[in-house]
């Protein structure tokens, strides 16, 4: 177990997955969520979007960063150089999963550590390989797991990830939404008591 952090830690996310990962790593933290515009420049390369958005989200917490450590995060799924964001409907989710079926894609999760109005942004990339997914498997997943809140329309920890992912090159937790190995390294190096 590492030493206690020198400032209170705030996770600026509503994601139950990020909360669980951070808690499982032994961090004590609170959450604070603000309504944030997640728009990025249209011409931005897909691989640059997560760091841009993690940093942009952190800017909403400048005041809170005076006496706290703030963590913001963003995850993207990229297949064939196309950014697959959160689906807007079940039809959109089905199209995304059909795009991922039988292919390799990359997942990039970025996080920003903000303290005393100083920003440090990091990211991690994982390659994910899906088997060929049948239409019945895709329909079952969408109807039972409701993946509209997930980039690329899937969660690695959900049923479709359990039965459909053949291989991962990189961190499982990066795909899940928080590269905890990097978060742990940076927080303990920067703020360990």
Protein backbone atom coordinates (compact mmCIF):
# COMPACT_ATOMS: atom_id res chain seq x y z
CA UNK A 1 0.00 0.00 0.00
CA UNK A 2 1.32 3.42 -0.93
CA UNK A 3 1.47 6.47 1.33
CA UNK A 4 -1.57 8.67 1.56
CA UNK A 5 -1.78 11.42 -1.05
CA UNK A 6 -0.88 14.90 0.17
CA UNK A 7 -4.14 16.46 -1.09
CA UNK A 8 -7.72 15.18 -1.37
CA UNK A 9 -8.38 13.38 -4.65
CA UNK A 10 -11.46 14.15 -6.76
CA UNK A 11 -12.55 12.02 -9.69
CA UNK A 12 -14.39 14.26 -12.14
CA UNK A 13 -16.42 11.46 -13.69
CA UNK A 14 -19.78 9.77 -13.26
CA UNK A 15 -18.49 6.52 -14.75
CA UNK A 16 -19.10 3.60 -12.38
CA UNK A 17 -16.24 1.77 -14.11
CA UNK A 18 -13.71 4.54 -13.39
CA UNK A 19 -14.91 4.79 -9.79
CA UNK A 20 -14.47 1.05 -9.30
CA UNK A 21 -11.01 0.97 -10.88
CA UNK A 22 -9.76 3.87 -8.74
CA UNK A 23 -11.23 2.35 -5.58
CA UNK A 24 -9.78 -1.09 -6.38
CA UNK A 25 -6.33 0.52 -6.71
CA UNK A 26 -6.65 1.70 -3.10
CA UNK A 27 -7.34 5.38 -3.62
CA UNK A 28 -9.65 7.34 -1.35
CA UNK A 29 -11.51 9.94 -3.40
CA UNK A 30 -14.72 11.84 -3.85
CA UNK A 31 -16.51 12.61 -7.10
CA UNK A 32 -17.55 15.93 -8.54
CA UNK A 33 -19.29 16.03 -11.89
CA UNK A 34 -20.05 19.11 -13.96
CA UNK A 35 -21.99 19.40 -17.19
CA UNK A 36 -19.18 19.71 -19.74
CA UNK A 37 -19.23 20.32 -23.46
CA UNK A 38 -17.27 17.46 -25.07
CA UNK A 39 -16.87 19.04 -28.50
CA UNK A 40 -13.49 18.84 -30.23
CA UNK A 41 -12.24 20.43 -33.49
CA UNK A 42 -13.68 18.63 -36.51
CA UNK A 43 -10.28 18.40 -38.23
CA UNK A 44 -8.52 16.88 -35.19
CA UNK A 45 -6.89 13.49 -35.73
CA UNK A 46 -8.87 10.79 -33.88
CA UNK A 47 -5.89 9.73 -31.76
CA UNK A 48 -5.54 13.29 -30.39
CA UNK A 49 -9.16 13.58 -29.23
CA UNK A 50 -8.92 11.86 -25.82
CA UNK A 51 -6.05 14.02 -24.51
CA UNK A 52 -7.75 17.13 -25.88
CA UNK A 53 -11.03 16.26 -24.14
CA UNK A 54 -9.43 15.16 -20.85
CA UNK A 55 -7.60 18.50 -20.71
CA UNK A 56 -10.70 20.43 -21.75
CA UNK A 57 -12.75 18.75 -19.00
CA UNK A 58 -10.09 19.62 -16.43
CA UNK A 59 -10.39 23.33 -17.26
CA UNK A 60 -13.86 23.28 -15.67
CA UNK A 61 -12.23 22.45 -12.31
CA UNK A 62 -9.59 25.19 -12.01
CA UNK A 63 -11.01 26.59 -8.75
CA UNK A 64 -11.39 23.16 -7.13
CA UNK A 65 -7.78 22.34 -8.05
CA UNK A 66 -6.34 24.85 -5.56
CA UNK A 67 -6.80 22.50 -2.59
CA UNK A 68 -7.42 19.19 -4.38
CA UNK A 69 -6.06 16.82 -7.01
CA UNK A 70 -8.55 16.51 -9.88
CA UNK A 71 -8.60 13.65 -12.38
CA UNK A 72 -10.55 13.87 -15.63
CA UNK A 73 -10.58 11.23 -18.34
CA UNK A 74 -11.79 10.42 -21.82
CA UNK A 75 -11.85 7.20 -23.85
CA UNK A 76 -12.17 6.77 -27.61
CA UNK A 77 -12.50 3.78 -29.91
CA UNK A 78 -10.91 4.03 -33.36
CA UNK A 79 -11.49 1.51 -36.16
CA UNK A 80 -10.14 2.03 -39.68
CA UNK A 81 -9.07 5.54 -38.57
CA UNK A 82 -12.71 6.39 -37.80
CA UNK A 83 -13.68 7.59 -34.34
CA UNK A 84 -16.55 5.55 -32.89
CA UNK A 85 -18.10 7.72 -30.20
CA UNK A 86 -20.99 6.88 -27.89
CA UNK A 87 -23.88 5.60 -30.01
CA UNK A 88 -26.95 7.80 -30.28
CA UNK A 89 -29.41 4.91 -30.68
CA UNK A 90 -29.65 1.13 -30.74
CA UNK A 91 -29.36 1.26 -34.54
CA UNK A 92 -26.17 3.31 -34.23
CA UNK A 93 -24.81 0.83 -31.64
CA UNK A 94 -25.54 -2.09 -33.96
CA UNK A 95 -23.70 -0.41 -36.84
CA UNK A 96 -20.68 0.23 -34.61
CA UNK A 97 -20.54 -3.36 -33.39
CA UNK A 98 -20.86 -4.62 -36.96
CA UNK A 99 -17.93 -2.35 -37.86
CA UNK A 100 -15.83 -3.82 -35.01
CA UNK A 101 -16.84 -7.42 -35.73
CA UNK A 102 -13.90 -9.55 -36.89
CA UNK A 103 -11.48 -6.63 -36.80
CA UNK A 104 -8.75 -5.02 -34.77
CA UNK A 105 -9.41 -1.57 -33.34
CA UNK A 106 -7.62 0.68 -30.90
CA UNK A 107 -8.84 2.16 -27.65
CA UNK A 108 -7.14 5.26 -26.28
CA UNK A 109 -7.86 6.50 -22.78
CA UNK A 110 -6.40 9.80 -21.65
CA UNK A 111 -6.48 11.37 -18.23
CA UNK A 112 -5.55 14.79 -16.92
CA UNK A 113 -4.20 15.42 -13.44
CA UNK A 114 -4.95 18.97 -12.31
CA UNK A 115 -3.54 20.53 -9.14
CA UNK A 116 -3.12 24.19 -8.27
CA UNK A 117 -4.17 25.06 -11.84
CA UNK A 118 -1.31 23.01 -13.34
CA UNK A 119 -2.28 20.40 -15.93
CA UNK A 120 -0.54 17.10 -16.70
CA UNK A 121 -2.11 14.97 -19.42
CA UNK A 122 -1.31 11.33 -20.21
CA UNK A 123 -2.73 8.64 -22.45
CA UNK A 124 -2.47 4.92 -23.07
CA UNK A 125 -3.38 2.84 -26.12
CA UNK A 126 -4.58 -0.76 -26.38
CA UNK A 127 -5.31 -2.89 -29.43
CA UNK A 128 -8.47 -4.98 -29.23
CA UNK A 129 -9.39 -7.89 -31.52
CA UNK A 130 -13.03 -8.95 -31.85
CA UNK A 131 -14.16 -12.28 -33.24
CA UNK A 132 -16.84 -12.24 -35.92
CA UNK A 133 -19.99 -11.30 -34.04
CA UNK A 134 -23.28 -12.75 -35.20
CA UNK A 135 -26.32 -10.55 -35.62
CA UNK A 136 -27.99 -12.49 -32.80
CA UNK A 137 -25.05 -11.80 -30.46
CA UNK A 138 -25.08 -8.10 -31.30
CA UNK A 139 -28.86 -7.84 -30.84
CA UNK A 140 -28.72 -9.73 -27.53
CA UNK A 141 -25.99 -7.44 -26.22
CA UNK A 142 -27.76 -4.24 -27.20
CA UNK A 143 -31.07 -5.38 -25.70
CA UNK A 144 -29.60 -6.61 -22.41
CA UNK A 145 -26.65 -4.28 -21.72
CA UNK A 146 -27.85 -0.95 -23.16
CA UNK A 147 -24.41 0.26 -24.36
CA UNK A 148 -25.38 3.82 -25.31
CA UNK A 149 -23.07 5.30 -22.66
CA UNK A 150 -19.95 3.58 -24.01
CA UNK A 151 -17.51 4.66 -26.70
CA UNK A 152 -17.65 2.18 -29.57
CA UNK A 153 -20.94 0.78 -28.18
CA UNK A 154 -19.34 -1.81 -25.93
CA UNK A 155 -17.80 -2.37 -22.53
CA UNK A 156 -14.95 -4.86 -22.30
CA UNK A 157 -16.33 -6.06 -18.96
CA UNK A 158 -19.81 -6.63 -20.44
CA UNK A 159 -21.16 -9.78 -22.08
CA UNK A 160 -19.99 -8.82 -25.58
CA UNK A 161 -16.45 -8.29 -24.32
CA UNK A 162 -16.45 -11.57 -22.44
CA UNK A 163 -17.58 -13.66 -25.42
CA UNK A 164 -16.29 -11.53 -28.28
CA UNK A 165 -12.79 -10.26 -27.55
CA UNK A 166 -10.13 -12.70 -28.69
CA UNK A 167 -7.02 -10.71 -27.83
CA UNK A 168 -5.83 -7.46 -26.29
CA UNK A 169 -2.43 -5.87 -26.72
CA UNK A 170 -2.23 -3.41 -23.85
CA UNK A 171 -4.03 -2.76 -20.59
CA UNK A 172 -7.49 -4.17 -19.93
CA UNK A 173 -8.14 -1.11 -17.75
CA UNK A 174 -7.28 1.28 -20.57
CA UNK A 175 -10.06 -0.36 -22.58
CA UNK A 176 -12.35 -0.24 -19.53
CA UNK A 177 -11.83 3.53 -19.23
CA UNK A 178 -8.90 4.34 -16.93
CA UNK A 179 -5.24 3.29 -17.41
CA UNK A 180 -4.81 2.73 -13.69
CA UNK A 181 -1.17 1.65 -13.96
CA UNK A 182 -0.33 5.16 -15.25
CA UNK A 183 -2.72 6.92 -12.85
CA UNK A 184 -1.14 5.08 -9.91
CA UNK A 185 2.40 5.89 -11.10
CA UNK A 186 1.75 9.59 -11.63
CA UNK A 187 -0.27 10.19 -8.45
CA UNK A 188 2.13 8.35 -6.19
CA UNK A 189 5.20 9.99 -7.75
CA UNK A 190 3.72 13.49 -7.63
CA UNK A 191 1.62 13.52 -4.49
CA UNK A 192 2.64 10.70 -2.14
CA UNK A 193 3.00 11.81 1.48
